[in-house]
N, C-alpha and C. Protein backbone atom coordinates (compact mmCIF):
# COMPACT_ATOMS: atom_id res chain seq x y z
N UNK A 1 -3.25 -20.02 22.36
CA UNK A 1 -4.26 -20.27 21.37
C UNK A 1 -3.57 -20.66 20.08
N UNK A 2 -4.10 -21.58 19.38
CA UNK A 2 -3.60 -21.99 18.08
C UNK A 2 -4.31 -21.16 17.01
N UNK A 3 -3.54 -20.59 16.12
CA UNK A 3 -4.10 -19.74 15.08
C UNK A 3 -5.14 -20.49 14.25
N UNK A 4 -4.88 -21.74 13.93
CA UNK A 4 -5.79 -22.53 13.09
C UNK A 4 -7.17 -22.67 13.72
N UNK A 5 -7.25 -22.73 15.03
CA UNK A 5 -8.54 -22.92 15.69
C UNK A 5 -9.15 -21.61 16.16
N UNK A 6 -8.49 -20.50 15.93
CA UNK A 6 -9.00 -19.20 16.36
C UNK A 6 -10.15 -18.78 15.46
N UNK A 7 -11.31 -18.52 16.03
CA UNK A 7 -12.49 -18.15 15.26
C UNK A 7 -12.31 -16.85 14.50
N UNK A 8 -11.41 -15.98 14.96
CA UNK A 8 -11.20 -14.70 14.30
C UNK A 8 -10.42 -14.84 13.00
N UNK A 9 -9.78 -15.96 12.79
CA UNK A 9 -9.00 -16.21 11.58
C UNK A 9 -9.96 -16.62 10.46
N UNK A 10 -9.91 -15.91 9.33
CA UNK A 10 -10.79 -16.21 8.19
C UNK A 10 -10.61 -17.65 7.74
N UNK A 11 -11.70 -18.28 7.31
CA UNK A 11 -11.66 -19.68 6.88
C UNK A 11 -10.59 -19.93 5.83
N UNK A 12 -10.46 -19.03 4.86
CA UNK A 12 -9.48 -19.24 3.79
C UNK A 12 -8.06 -19.26 4.34
N UNK A 13 -7.78 -18.45 5.35
CA UNK A 13 -6.43 -18.42 5.92
C UNK A 13 -6.24 -19.57 6.89
N UNK A 14 -7.29 -19.95 7.61
CA UNK A 14 -7.20 -21.08 8.52
C UNK A 14 -6.88 -22.34 7.74
N UNK A 15 -7.52 -22.51 6.58
CA UNK A 15 -7.27 -23.67 5.74
C UNK A 15 -5.85 -23.69 5.20
N UNK A 16 -5.30 -22.53 4.94
CA UNK A 16 -3.94 -22.46 4.40
C UNK A 16 -2.91 -22.93 5.41
N UNK A 17 -3.23 -22.82 6.68
CA UNK A 17 -2.28 -23.24 7.70
C UNK A 17 -2.16 -24.74 7.79
N UNK A 18 -3.21 -25.44 7.40
CA UNK A 18 -3.16 -26.90 7.33
C UNK A 18 -2.98 -27.56 8.68
N UNK A 19 -2.82 -28.87 8.63
CA UNK A 19 -2.62 -29.63 9.85
C UNK A 19 -1.27 -30.32 9.87
N UNK A 20 -0.66 -30.52 8.68
CA UNK A 20 0.66 -31.15 8.62
C UNK A 20 1.72 -30.08 8.82
N UNK A 21 2.74 -30.42 9.57
CA UNK A 21 3.84 -29.50 9.73
C UNK A 21 5.07 -30.26 10.20
N UNK A 22 6.22 -29.69 9.92
CA UNK A 22 7.47 -30.29 10.39
C UNK A 22 7.85 -29.72 11.74
N UNK A 23 7.35 -28.57 12.04
CA UNK A 23 7.71 -27.94 13.31
C UNK A 23 6.70 -26.88 13.67
N UNK A 24 6.86 -26.35 14.83
CA UNK A 24 5.97 -25.30 15.30
C UNK A 24 6.82 -24.08 15.62
N UNK A 25 6.41 -22.94 15.09
CA UNK A 25 7.08 -21.68 15.39
C UNK A 25 6.18 -20.98 16.38
N UNK A 26 6.59 -20.93 17.64
CA UNK A 26 5.73 -20.35 18.66
C UNK A 26 4.43 -21.13 18.72
N UNK A 27 3.32 -20.46 18.44
CA UNK A 27 2.02 -21.11 18.46
C UNK A 27 1.51 -21.38 17.05
N UNK A 28 2.30 -21.04 16.04
CA UNK A 28 1.85 -21.16 14.66
C UNK A 28 2.37 -22.43 14.03
N UNK A 29 1.47 -23.34 13.69
CA UNK A 29 1.86 -24.58 13.03
C UNK A 29 1.83 -24.34 11.52
N UNK A 30 2.93 -24.60 10.86
CA UNK A 30 3.04 -24.35 9.43
C UNK A 30 3.13 -25.64 8.63
N UNK A 31 2.60 -25.61 7.42
CA UNK A 31 2.74 -26.73 6.50
C UNK A 31 4.21 -26.89 6.13
N UNK A 32 4.51 -28.01 5.50
CA UNK A 32 5.88 -28.28 5.06
C UNK A 32 6.38 -27.23 4.07
N UNK A 33 5.54 -26.82 3.14
CA UNK A 33 5.97 -25.90 2.09
C UNK A 33 5.39 -24.51 2.34
N UNK A 34 6.07 -23.73 3.15
CA UNK A 34 5.60 -22.40 3.53
C UNK A 34 5.51 -21.49 2.31
N UNK A 35 6.48 -21.59 1.39
CA UNK A 35 6.47 -20.72 0.21
C UNK A 35 5.19 -20.89 -0.61
N UNK A 36 4.77 -22.12 -0.84
CA UNK A 36 3.55 -22.37 -1.60
C UNK A 36 2.35 -21.79 -0.86
N UNK A 37 2.30 -21.95 0.43
CA UNK A 37 1.20 -21.44 1.23
C UNK A 37 1.13 -19.91 1.11
N UNK A 38 2.26 -19.25 1.25
CA UNK A 38 2.30 -17.80 1.22
C UNK A 38 1.85 -17.28 -0.14
N UNK A 39 2.39 -17.83 -1.21
CA UNK A 39 2.06 -17.39 -2.56
C UNK A 39 0.60 -17.68 -2.89
N UNK A 40 0.10 -18.85 -2.52
CA UNK A 40 -1.27 -19.23 -2.86
C UNK A 40 -2.30 -18.35 -2.16
N UNK A 41 -1.93 -17.74 -1.05
CA UNK A 41 -2.85 -16.86 -0.31
C UNK A 41 -2.69 -15.40 -0.72
N UNK A 42 -1.81 -15.14 -1.68
CA UNK A 42 -1.64 -13.78 -2.17
C UNK A 42 -0.71 -12.92 -1.33
N UNK A 43 0.04 -13.53 -0.44
CA UNK A 43 0.99 -12.79 0.38
C UNK A 43 2.34 -12.78 -0.32
N UNK A 44 3.21 -11.90 0.12
CA UNK A 44 4.58 -11.90 -0.39
C UNK A 44 5.52 -11.69 0.80
N UNK A 45 6.76 -12.03 0.59
CA UNK A 45 7.77 -11.89 1.64
C UNK A 45 8.27 -10.45 1.62
N UNK A 46 8.38 -9.85 2.78
CA UNK A 46 8.89 -8.49 2.90
C UNK A 46 10.26 -8.56 3.57
N UNK A 47 11.29 -8.37 2.78
CA UNK A 47 12.65 -8.40 3.31
C UNK A 47 12.89 -7.19 4.21
N UNK A 48 13.84 -7.32 5.11
CA UNK A 48 14.18 -6.23 6.02
C UNK A 48 15.11 -5.26 5.29
N UNK A 49 14.71 -4.00 5.27
CA UNK A 49 15.49 -2.97 4.59
C UNK A 49 16.14 -2.06 5.64
N UNK A 50 17.02 -1.18 5.18
CA UNK A 50 17.64 -0.22 6.09
C UNK A 50 16.61 0.75 6.65
N UNK A 51 15.59 1.09 5.87
CA UNK A 51 14.51 1.94 6.38
C UNK A 51 13.78 1.25 7.54
N UNK A 52 13.59 -0.05 7.43
CA UNK A 52 12.95 -0.82 8.50
C UNK A 52 13.83 -0.82 9.74
N UNK A 53 15.13 -0.99 9.54
CA UNK A 53 16.06 -0.99 10.68
C UNK A 53 16.08 0.36 11.39
N UNK A 54 16.04 1.44 10.62
CA UNK A 54 16.00 2.77 11.25
C UNK A 54 14.72 2.96 12.05
N UNK A 55 13.59 2.51 11.48
CA UNK A 55 12.31 2.63 12.18
C UNK A 55 12.32 1.78 13.45
N UNK A 56 12.87 0.57 13.34
CA UNK A 56 12.99 -0.35 14.48
C UNK A 56 13.78 0.30 15.61
N UNK A 57 14.92 0.91 15.28
CA UNK A 57 15.78 1.53 16.30
C UNK A 57 15.09 2.69 17.00
N UNK A 58 14.17 3.34 16.33
CA UNK A 58 13.48 4.50 16.90
C UNK A 58 12.23 4.14 17.70
N UNK A 59 11.80 2.88 17.64
CA UNK A 59 10.57 2.48 18.34
C UNK A 59 10.76 2.46 19.86
N UNK A 60 9.76 2.95 20.60
CA UNK A 60 9.78 2.76 22.06
C UNK A 60 9.56 1.27 22.36
N UNK A 61 9.90 0.86 23.55
CA UNK A 61 9.81 -0.57 23.90
C UNK A 61 8.50 -0.91 24.61
N UNK A 62 7.38 -0.55 23.98
CA UNK A 62 6.08 -0.94 24.53
C UNK A 62 5.94 -2.46 24.50
N UNK A 63 6.55 -3.07 23.51
CA UNK A 63 6.49 -4.51 23.30
C UNK A 63 7.91 -5.04 23.42
N UNK A 64 8.11 -6.06 24.25
CA UNK A 64 9.47 -6.55 24.51
C UNK A 64 10.01 -7.50 23.44
N UNK A 65 9.14 -8.09 22.63
CA UNK A 65 9.58 -9.06 21.63
C UNK A 65 10.20 -8.35 20.43
N UNK A 66 11.50 -8.53 20.17
CA UNK A 66 12.14 -7.82 19.06
C UNK A 66 11.60 -8.22 17.69
N UNK A 67 11.14 -9.44 17.54
CA UNK A 67 10.57 -9.87 16.26
C UNK A 67 9.25 -9.15 15.99
N UNK A 68 8.44 -9.01 17.03
CA UNK A 68 7.19 -8.26 16.87
C UNK A 68 7.48 -6.79 16.59
N UNK A 69 8.48 -6.22 17.27
CA UNK A 69 8.84 -4.83 17.01
C UNK A 69 9.34 -4.64 15.58
N UNK A 70 10.03 -5.64 15.04
CA UNK A 70 10.48 -5.53 13.64
C UNK A 70 9.29 -5.55 12.70
N UNK A 71 8.30 -6.39 12.97
CA UNK A 71 7.09 -6.40 12.13
C UNK A 71 6.38 -5.05 12.21
N UNK A 72 6.34 -4.48 13.41
CA UNK A 72 5.72 -3.17 13.60
C UNK A 72 6.49 -2.11 12.82
N UNK A 73 7.82 -2.14 12.90
CA UNK A 73 8.65 -1.18 12.17
C UNK A 73 8.42 -1.31 10.66
N UNK A 74 8.34 -2.53 10.16
CA UNK A 74 8.09 -2.74 8.73
C UNK A 74 6.71 -2.21 8.34
N UNK A 75 5.72 -2.49 9.13
CA UNK A 75 4.37 -2.04 8.82
C UNK A 75 4.30 -0.52 8.80
N UNK A 76 4.93 0.13 9.76
CA UNK A 76 4.93 1.58 9.80
C UNK A 76 5.70 2.18 8.62
N UNK A 77 6.85 1.62 8.32
CA UNK A 77 7.66 2.13 7.21
C UNK A 77 6.98 1.93 5.85
N UNK A 78 6.26 0.83 5.70
CA UNK A 78 5.62 0.50 4.42
C UNK A 78 4.18 0.99 4.32
N UNK A 79 3.61 1.41 5.46
CA UNK A 79 2.21 1.83 5.46
C UNK A 79 1.25 0.69 5.22
N UNK A 80 1.57 -0.48 5.79
CA UNK A 80 0.73 -1.67 5.60
C UNK A 80 0.22 -2.16 6.96
N UNK A 81 -0.92 -2.85 6.98
CA UNK A 81 -1.45 -3.37 8.24
C UNK A 81 -0.75 -4.67 8.66
N UNK A 82 -0.93 -5.01 9.92
CA UNK A 82 -0.43 -6.27 10.46
C UNK A 82 -1.64 -7.10 10.89
N UNK A 83 -1.63 -8.38 10.52
CA UNK A 83 -2.67 -9.30 10.97
C UNK A 83 -2.23 -9.86 12.32
N UNK A 84 -2.84 -9.37 13.38
CA UNK A 84 -2.49 -9.82 14.73
C UNK A 84 -3.66 -9.59 15.68
N UNK A 85 -3.70 -10.40 16.71
CA UNK A 85 -4.68 -10.21 17.78
C UNK A 85 -3.99 -9.61 19.02
N UNK A 86 -2.69 -9.32 18.89
CA UNK A 86 -1.90 -8.78 19.99
C UNK A 86 -2.18 -7.29 20.14
N UNK A 87 -2.91 -6.92 21.16
CA UNK A 87 -3.33 -5.54 21.37
C UNK A 87 -2.16 -4.62 21.74
N UNK A 88 -1.01 -5.18 22.10
CA UNK A 88 0.15 -4.34 22.42
C UNK A 88 0.64 -3.59 21.19
N UNK A 89 0.32 -4.09 19.99
CA UNK A 89 0.74 -3.43 18.76
C UNK A 89 0.09 -2.05 18.63
N UNK A 90 -1.10 -1.88 19.20
CA UNK A 90 -1.85 -0.62 19.08
C UNK A 90 -1.07 0.56 19.67
N UNK A 91 -0.23 0.32 20.65
CA UNK A 91 0.56 1.38 21.27
C UNK A 91 1.48 2.06 20.29
N UNK A 92 1.76 1.41 19.15
CA UNK A 92 2.66 1.95 18.14
C UNK A 92 1.92 2.67 17.03
N UNK A 93 0.58 2.66 17.06
CA UNK A 93 -0.20 3.32 16.04
C UNK A 93 -0.22 2.59 14.71
N UNK A 94 0.14 1.32 14.74
CA UNK A 94 0.14 0.51 13.52
C UNK A 94 -1.28 0.04 13.23
N UNK A 95 -1.65 -0.03 11.95
CA UNK A 95 -2.98 -0.52 11.58
C UNK A 95 -3.01 -2.04 11.78
N UNK A 96 -4.02 -2.52 12.52
CA UNK A 96 -4.14 -3.94 12.80
C UNK A 96 -5.39 -4.51 12.15
N UNK A 97 -5.24 -5.73 11.63
CA UNK A 97 -6.36 -6.43 11.02
C UNK A 97 -6.51 -7.75 11.77
N UNK A 98 -7.69 -7.97 12.32
CA UNK A 98 -8.03 -9.27 12.92
C UNK A 98 -9.26 -9.11 13.73
């Protein structure tokens, strides 16, 4: 499924994804200027900290994708939700929005 065409994605966020892109990351098509898109939507970049790495190392392997597990570790360490439709995240007790 393409995020841009997913009905569960809010119109404001769907529009931010745009149609022009230089490449595709998995199923997510991004505009040329990702930084502008992120800032204009009120998001910020969350760097990986040592607390995130410790949380990551302690996670069970319910989900095999290490990038997804890192997002889960960050969300748990920071007490923030993750915007995802991937129900495997629920096994970690992380708050999901979508």
